[in-house]
Amino acid sequence: MYDFFRRIRKRSTETKSKIKYGFRGEGISYRLPNKSMDLWFTWINGARIYTETIAKWEDGSILTADEKKRVFIEVVRFVGKKGEEPIIVINANDPSRALWEELCSTNEILINNIEYTSREEQYQFERKMYLEFINAGKKVNIDGVEISNEKDLDDFLQKRRKNHAT
């Protein structure tokens, strides 16, 4: 914005977000003028928003409760504009679980359903998926590590699990 009387350019205080789907419609990119994040989102068995990814900005800073509320509402409305009432997936271990449940309750008209998951459930899902590839005779590359058998897969997943716990 330009101030004609003082002949200076004012900094815009605009905080309008820009939201778009990621590659192939998987994931959601949420951008503010000075912050951004990518959320887990999938169309598998319905539009699903994974709330545990509404936690940190791309620079690693933690979202405040107000920022989480804003992102949640704006993303739910964004998905709704595309003709889908999203399923909200809440991790039972998420410290913000009560906030997500409150937001789902106060915005129930905008959402289809709530599903709960846990770290253990996610771990078992990933293990099963990778193991299917390995059992089909394929090698799996996870975070740059090539895995070709069940023992190596279990060792890798256990190591990653310990790293995520700290």
C-alpha atoms as a PDB file:
ATOM      1  CA  MET A   1       0.000   0.000   0.000  1.00  0.00           C
ATOM      2  CA  TYR A   2       1.321   3.496  -0.826  1.00  0.00           C
ATOM      3  CA  ASP A   3       0.639   6.594   1.300  1.00  0.00           C
ATOM      4  CA  PHE A   4       0.383   9.446  -1.254  1.00  0.00           C
ATOM      5  CA  PHE A   5       0.541  12.172   1.383  1.00  0.00           C
ATOM      6  CA  ARG A   6       3.769  10.988   2.969  1.00  0.00           C
ATOM      7  CA  ARG A   7       5.160   9.354  -0.193  1.00  0.00           C
ATOM      8  CA  ILE A   8       6.094   6.202   1.658  1.00  0.00           C
ATOM      9  CA  ARG A   9       5.152   2.620   1.171  1.00  0.00           C
ATOM     10  CA  LYS A  10       3.309   1.193   4.157  1.00  0.00           C
ATOM     11  CA  ARG A  11       3.777  -2.397   5.121  1.00  0.00           C
ATOM     12  CA  SER A  12       0.666  -4.392   4.566  1.00  0.00           C
ATOM     13  CA  THR A  13      -0.817  -5.800   7.735  1.00  0.00           C
ATOM     14  CA  GLU A  14      -2.872  -8.186   5.664  1.00  0.00           C
ATOM     15  CA  THR A  15      -3.010 -11.622   7.228  1.00  0.00           C
ATOM     16  CA  LYS A  16      -5.132 -13.309   4.611  1.00  0.00           C
ATOM     17  CA  SER A  17      -4.286 -16.954   4.197  1.00  0.00           C
ATOM     18  CA  LYS A  18      -3.713 -18.820   0.958  1.00  0.00           C
ATOM     19  CA  ILE A  19      -4.817 -22.428   0.976  1.00  0.00           C
ATOM     20  CA  LYS A  20      -4.414 -24.982  -1.783  1.00  0.00           C
ATOM     21  CA  TYR A  21      -4.267 -28.708  -2.271  1.00  0.00           C
ATOM     22  CA  GLY A  22      -0.903 -30.367  -2.652  1.00  0.00           C
ATOM     23  CA  PHE A  23       0.294 -32.553  -5.509  1.00  0.00           C
ATOM     24  CA  ARG A  24      -2.522 -34.803  -6.784  1.00  0.00           C
ATOM     25  CA  GLY A  25      -4.845 -33.300  -4.183  1.00  0.00           C
ATOM     26  CA  GLU A  26      -3.033 -34.974  -1.299  1.00  0.00           C
ATOM     27  CA  GLY A  27      -1.960 -32.681   1.494  1.00  0.00           C
ATOM     28  CA  ILE A  28      -2.970 -29.077   2.007  1.00  0.00           C
ATOM     29  CA  SER A  29      -0.664 -26.080   1.838  1.00  0.00           C
ATOM     30  CA  TYR A  30      -1.577 -23.281   4.254  1.00  0.00           C
ATOM     31  CA  ARG A  31       0.250 -19.969   3.785  1.00  0.00           C
ATOM     32  CA  LEU A  32       0.215 -16.619   5.559  1.00  0.00           C
ATOM     33  CA  PRO A  33       2.428 -13.731   4.429  1.00  0.00           C
ATOM     34  CA  ASN A  34       5.211 -14.699   6.867  1.00  0.00           C
ATOM     35  CA  LYS A  35       4.388 -18.298   7.898  1.00  0.00           C
ATOM     36  CA  SER A  36       3.414 -21.551   6.252  1.00  0.00           C
ATOM     37  CA  MET A  37       2.724 -25.217   6.900  1.00  0.00           C
ATOM     38  CA  ASP A  38       1.726 -28.347   5.063  1.00  0.00           C
ATOM     39  CA  LEU A  39      -1.073 -30.419   6.574  1.00  0.00           C
ATOM     40  CA  TRP A  40      -1.768 -34.082   6.118  1.00  0.00           C
ATOM     41  CA  PHE A  41      -4.874 -34.502   4.032  1.00  0.00           C
ATOM     42  CA  THR A  42      -6.129 -37.374   1.939  1.00  0.00           C
ATOM     43  CA  TRP A  43      -9.151 -38.331  -0.140  1.00  0.00           C
ATOM     44  CA  ILE A  44      -8.941 -42.020   0.834  1.00  0.00           C
ATOM     45  CA  ASN A  45     -12.472 -43.078   1.842  1.00  0.00           C
ATOM     46  CA  GLY A  46     -13.530 -39.438   2.052  1.00  0.00           C
ATOM     47  CA  ALA A  47     -11.807 -36.114   2.639  1.00  0.00           C
ATOM     48  CA  ARG A  48      -9.664 -36.480   5.768  1.00  0.00           C
ATOM     49  CA  ILE A  49      -7.879 -33.722   7.691  1.00  0.00           C
ATOM     50  CA  TYR A  50      -5.252 -34.932  10.176  1.00  0.00           C
ATOM     51  CA  THR A  51      -5.252 -32.438  13.050  1.00  0.00           C
ATOM     52  CA  GLU A  52      -1.952 -33.568  14.567  1.00  0.00           C
ATOM     53  CA  THR A  53      -0.193 -31.801  11.675  1.00  0.00           C
ATOM     54  CA  ILE A  54      -1.683 -28.464  12.763  1.00  0.00           C
ATOM     55  CA  ALA A  55       1.067 -28.030  15.332  1.00  0.00           C
ATOM     56  CA  LYS A  56       4.166 -26.312  13.924  1.00  0.00           C
ATOM     57  CA  TRP A  57       4.911 -23.734  11.298  1.00  0.00           C
ATOM     58  CA  GLU A  58       7.405 -24.638   8.598  1.00  0.00           C
ATOM     59  CA  ASP A  59      10.123 -22.757  10.519  1.00  0.00           C
ATOM     60  CA  GLY A  60       9.559 -25.049  13.523  1.00  0.00           C
ATOM     61  CA  SER A  61       7.720 -22.559  15.725  1.00  0.00           C
ATOM     62  CA  ILE A  62       4.735 -23.894  17.642  1.00  0.00           C
ATOM     63  CA  LEU A  63       1.236 -22.657  16.804  1.00  0.00           C
ATOM     64  CA  THR A  64      -0.707 -20.917  19.542  1.00  0.00           C
ATOM     65  CA  ALA A  65      -4.181 -22.183  20.400  1.00  0.00           C
ATOM     66  CA  ASP A  66      -5.674 -19.238  18.475  1.00  0.00           C
ATOM     67  CA  GLU A  67      -3.555 -20.045  15.423  1.00  0.00           C
ATOM     68  CA  LYS A  68      -4.633 -23.698  15.593  1.00  0.00           C
ATOM     69  CA  LYS A  69      -8.279 -22.619  15.723  1.00  0.00           C
ATOM     70  CA  ARG A  70      -7.828 -20.310  12.740  1.00  0.00           C
ATOM     71  CA  VAL A  71      -6.030 -22.903  10.624  1.00  0.00           C
ATOM     72  CA  PHE A  72      -8.582 -25.586  11.509  1.00  0.00           C
ATOM     73  CA  ILE A  73     -11.618 -23.447  10.644  1.00  0.00           C
ATOM     74  CA  GLU A  74     -10.126 -22.075   7.426  1.00  0.00           C
ATOM     75  CA  VAL A  75      -8.999 -25.500   6.202  1.00  0.00           C
ATOM     76  CA  VAL A  76     -12.351 -27.127   7.038  1.00  0.00           C
ATOM     77  CA  ARG A  77     -14.150 -24.362   5.129  1.00  0.00           C
ATOM     78  CA  PHE A  78     -11.701 -24.668   2.218  1.00  0.00           C
ATOM     79  CA  VAL A  79     -12.398 -28.400   1.903  1.00  0.00           C
ATOM     80  CA  GLY A  80     -16.138 -27.706   2.265  1.00  0.00           C
ATOM     81  CA  LYS A  81     -16.051 -25.286  -0.683  1.00  0.00           C
ATOM     82  CA  LYS A  82     -14.929 -28.201  -2.839  1.00  0.00           C
ATOM     83  CA  GLY A  83     -18.148 -30.026  -2.008  1.00  0.00           C
ATOM     84  CA  GLU A  84     -16.869 -32.302   0.738  1.00  0.00           C
ATOM     85  CA  GLU A  85     -17.580 -32.265   4.433  1.00  0.00           C
ATOM     86  CA  PRO A  86     -14.259 -33.503   5.810  1.00  0.00           C
ATOM     87  CA  ILE A  87     -13.659 -36.277   8.271  1.00  0.00           C
ATOM     88  CA  ILE A  88     -11.490 -34.943  11.081  1.00  0.00           C
ATOM     89  CA  VAL A  89      -8.823 -37.423  12.191  1.00  0.00           C
ATOM     90  CA  ILE A  90      -7.671 -36.811  15.755  1.00  0.00           C
ATOM     91  CA  ASN A  91      -4.687 -38.605  17.239  1.00  0.00           C
ATOM     92  CA  ALA A  92      -5.709 -39.840  20.688  1.00  0.00           C
ATOM     93  CA  ASN A  93      -2.180 -39.028  21.924  1.00  0.00           C
ATOM     94  CA  ASP A  94      -2.229 -35.427  20.648  1.00  0.00           C
ATOM     95  CA  PRO A  95      -1.879 -32.889  23.489  1.00  0.00           C
ATOM     96  CA  SER A  96      -4.355 -30.681  21.584  1.00  0.00           C
ATOM     97  CA  ARG A  97      -7.002 -33.416  21.456  1.00  0.00           C
ATOM     98  CA  ALA A  98      -9.456 -31.465  23.664  1.00  0.00           C
ATOM     99  CA  LEU A  99      -9.101 -28.403  21.415  1.00  0.00           C
ATOM    100  CA  TRP A 100      -9.818 -30.454  18.271  1.00  0.00           C
ATOM    101  CA  GLU A 101     -12.845 -32.062  19.902  1.00  0.00           C
ATOM    102  CA  GLU A 102     -14.163 -28.655  20.976  1.00  0.00           C
ATOM    103  CA  LEU A 103     -13.672 -27.244  17.467  1.00  0.00           C
ATOM    104  CA  CYS A 104     -15.421 -30.246  15.937  1.00  0.00           C
ATOM    105  CA  SER A 105     -18.308 -29.824  18.343  1.00  0.00           C
ATOM    106  CA  THR A 106     -18.744 -26.110  17.664  1.00  0.00           C
ATOM    107  CA  ASN A 107     -18.390 -26.628  13.901  1.00  0.00           C
ATOM    108  CA  GLU A 108     -20.233 -29.926  13.543  1.00  0.00           C
ATOM    109  CA  ILE A 109     -22.302 -28.610  10.642  1.00  0.00           C
ATOM    110  CA  LEU A 110     -19.095 -28.282   8.584  1.00  0.00           C
ATOM    111  CA  ILE A 111     -17.708 -31.764   9.202  1.00  0.00           C
ATOM    112  CA  ASN A 112     -18.786 -35.247   8.253  1.00  0.00           C
ATOM    113  CA  ASN A 113     -17.360 -37.243  11.147  1.00  0.00           C
ATOM    114  CA  ILE A 114     -14.537 -37.586  13.649  1.00  0.00           C
ATOM    115  CA  GLU A 115     -12.124 -40.511  13.595  1.00  0.00           C
ATOM    116  CA  TYR A 116      -9.530 -41.300  16.197  1.00  0.00           C
ATOM    117  CA  THR A 117      -6.129 -42.773  15.601  1.00  0.00           C
ATOM    118  CA  SER A 118      -3.065 -43.337  17.763  1.00  0.00           C
ATOM    119  CA  ARG A 119       0.674 -43.544  17.305  1.00  0.00           C
ATOM    120  CA  GLU A 120       0.515 -47.314  17.734  1.00  0.00           C
ATOM    121  CA  GLU A 121      -2.234 -47.627  15.140  1.00  0.00           C
ATOM    122  CA  GLN A 122      -0.216 -45.472  12.728  1.00  0.00           C
ATOM    123  CA  TYR A 123       2.901 -47.521  13.409  1.00  0.00           C
ATOM    124  CA  GLN A 124       1.070 -50.790  12.648  1.00  0.00           C
ATOM    125  CA  PHE A 125      -0.496 -49.316   9.496  1.00  0.00           C
ATOM    126  CA  GLU A 126       2.905 -48.198   8.165  1.00  0.00           C
ATOM    127  CA  ARG A 127       4.543 -51.506   9.070  1.00  0.00           C
ATOM    128  CA  LYS A 128       1.833 -53.476   7.263  1.00  0.00           C
ATOM    129  CA  MET A 129       2.049 -51.266   4.176  1.00  0.00           C
ATOM    130  CA  TYR A 130       5.858 -51.507   3.923  1.00  0.00           C
ATOM    131  CA  LEU A 131       5.801 -55.228   4.645  1.00  0.00           C
ATOM    132  CA  GLU A 132       3.425 -55.809   1.725  1.00  0.00           C
ATOM    133  CA  PHE A 133       5.984 -54.235  -0.618  1.00  0.00           C
ATOM    134  CA  ILE A 134       8.828 -56.279   0.868  1.00  0.00           C
ATOM    135  CA  ASN A 135       6.830 -59.519   0.652  1.00  0.00           C
ATOM    136  CA  ALA A 136       6.157 -58.725  -3.017  1.00  0.00           C
ATOM    137  CA  GLY A 137       9.922 -58.807  -3.553  1.00  0.00           C
ATOM    138  CA  LYS A 138      10.414 -55.048  -3.667  1.00  0.00           C
ATOM    139  CA  LYS A 139      12.828 -52.922  -1.712  1.00  0.00           C
ATOM    140  CA  VAL A 140      11.498 -50.021   0.309  1.00  0.00           C
ATOM    141  CA  ASN A 141      13.266 -46.706   0.757  1.00  0.00           C
ATOM    142  CA  ILE A 142      12.232 -44.835   3.915  1.00  0.00           C
ATOM    143  CA  ASP A 143      13.937 -41.539   4.705  1.00  0.00           C
ATOM    144  CA  GLY A 144      16.870 -42.519   2.495  1.00  0.00           C
ATOM    145  CA  VAL A 145      17.317 -45.973   4.069  1.00  0.00           C
ATOM    146  CA  GLU A 146      16.885 -48.973   1.784  1.00  0.00           C
ATOM    147  CA  ILE A 147      15.049 -51.845   3.460  1.00  0.00           C
ATOM    148  CA  SER A 148      14.720 -55.287   1.903  1.00  0.00           C
ATOM    149  CA  ASN A 149      13.499 -57.603   4.694  1.00  0.00           C
ATOM    150  CA  GLU A 150      11.155 -57.698   7.683  1.00  0.00           C
ATOM    151  CA  LYS A 151      13.901 -57.597  10.319  1.00  0.00           C
ATOM    152  CA  ASP A 152      15.477 -54.478   8.806  1.00  0.00           C
ATOM    153  CA  LEU A 153      12.015 -52.888   8.589  1.00  0.00           C
ATOM    154  CA  ASP A 154      11.277 -53.587  12.256  1.00  0.00           C
ATOM    155  CA  ASP A 155      14.708 -52.314  13.331  1.00  0.00           C
ATOM    156  CA  PHE A 156      14.235 -49.115  11.312  1.00  0.00           C
ATOM    157  CA  LEU A 157      10.700 -48.472  12.559  1.00  0.00           C
ATOM    158  CA  GLN A 158      11.700 -49.087  16.188  1.00  0.00           C
ATOM    159  CA  LYS A 159      14.628 -46.681  15.857  1.00  0.00           C
ATOM    160  CA  ARG A 160      12.381 -44.049  14.286  1.00  0.00           C
ATOM    161  CA  ARG A 161       9.778 -44.613  16.994  1.00  0.00           C
ATOM    162  CA  LYS A 162      12.387 -43.981  19.711  1.00  0.00           C
ATOM    163  CA  ASN A 163      13.608 -40.830  17.928  1.00  0.00           C
ATOM    164  CA  HIS A 164      10.059 -39.460  17.700  1.00  0.00           C
ATOM    165  CA  ALA A 165       9.445 -40.122  21.388  1.00  0.00           C
ATOM    166  CA  THR A 166      12.262 -37.802  22.434  1.00  0.00           C
END
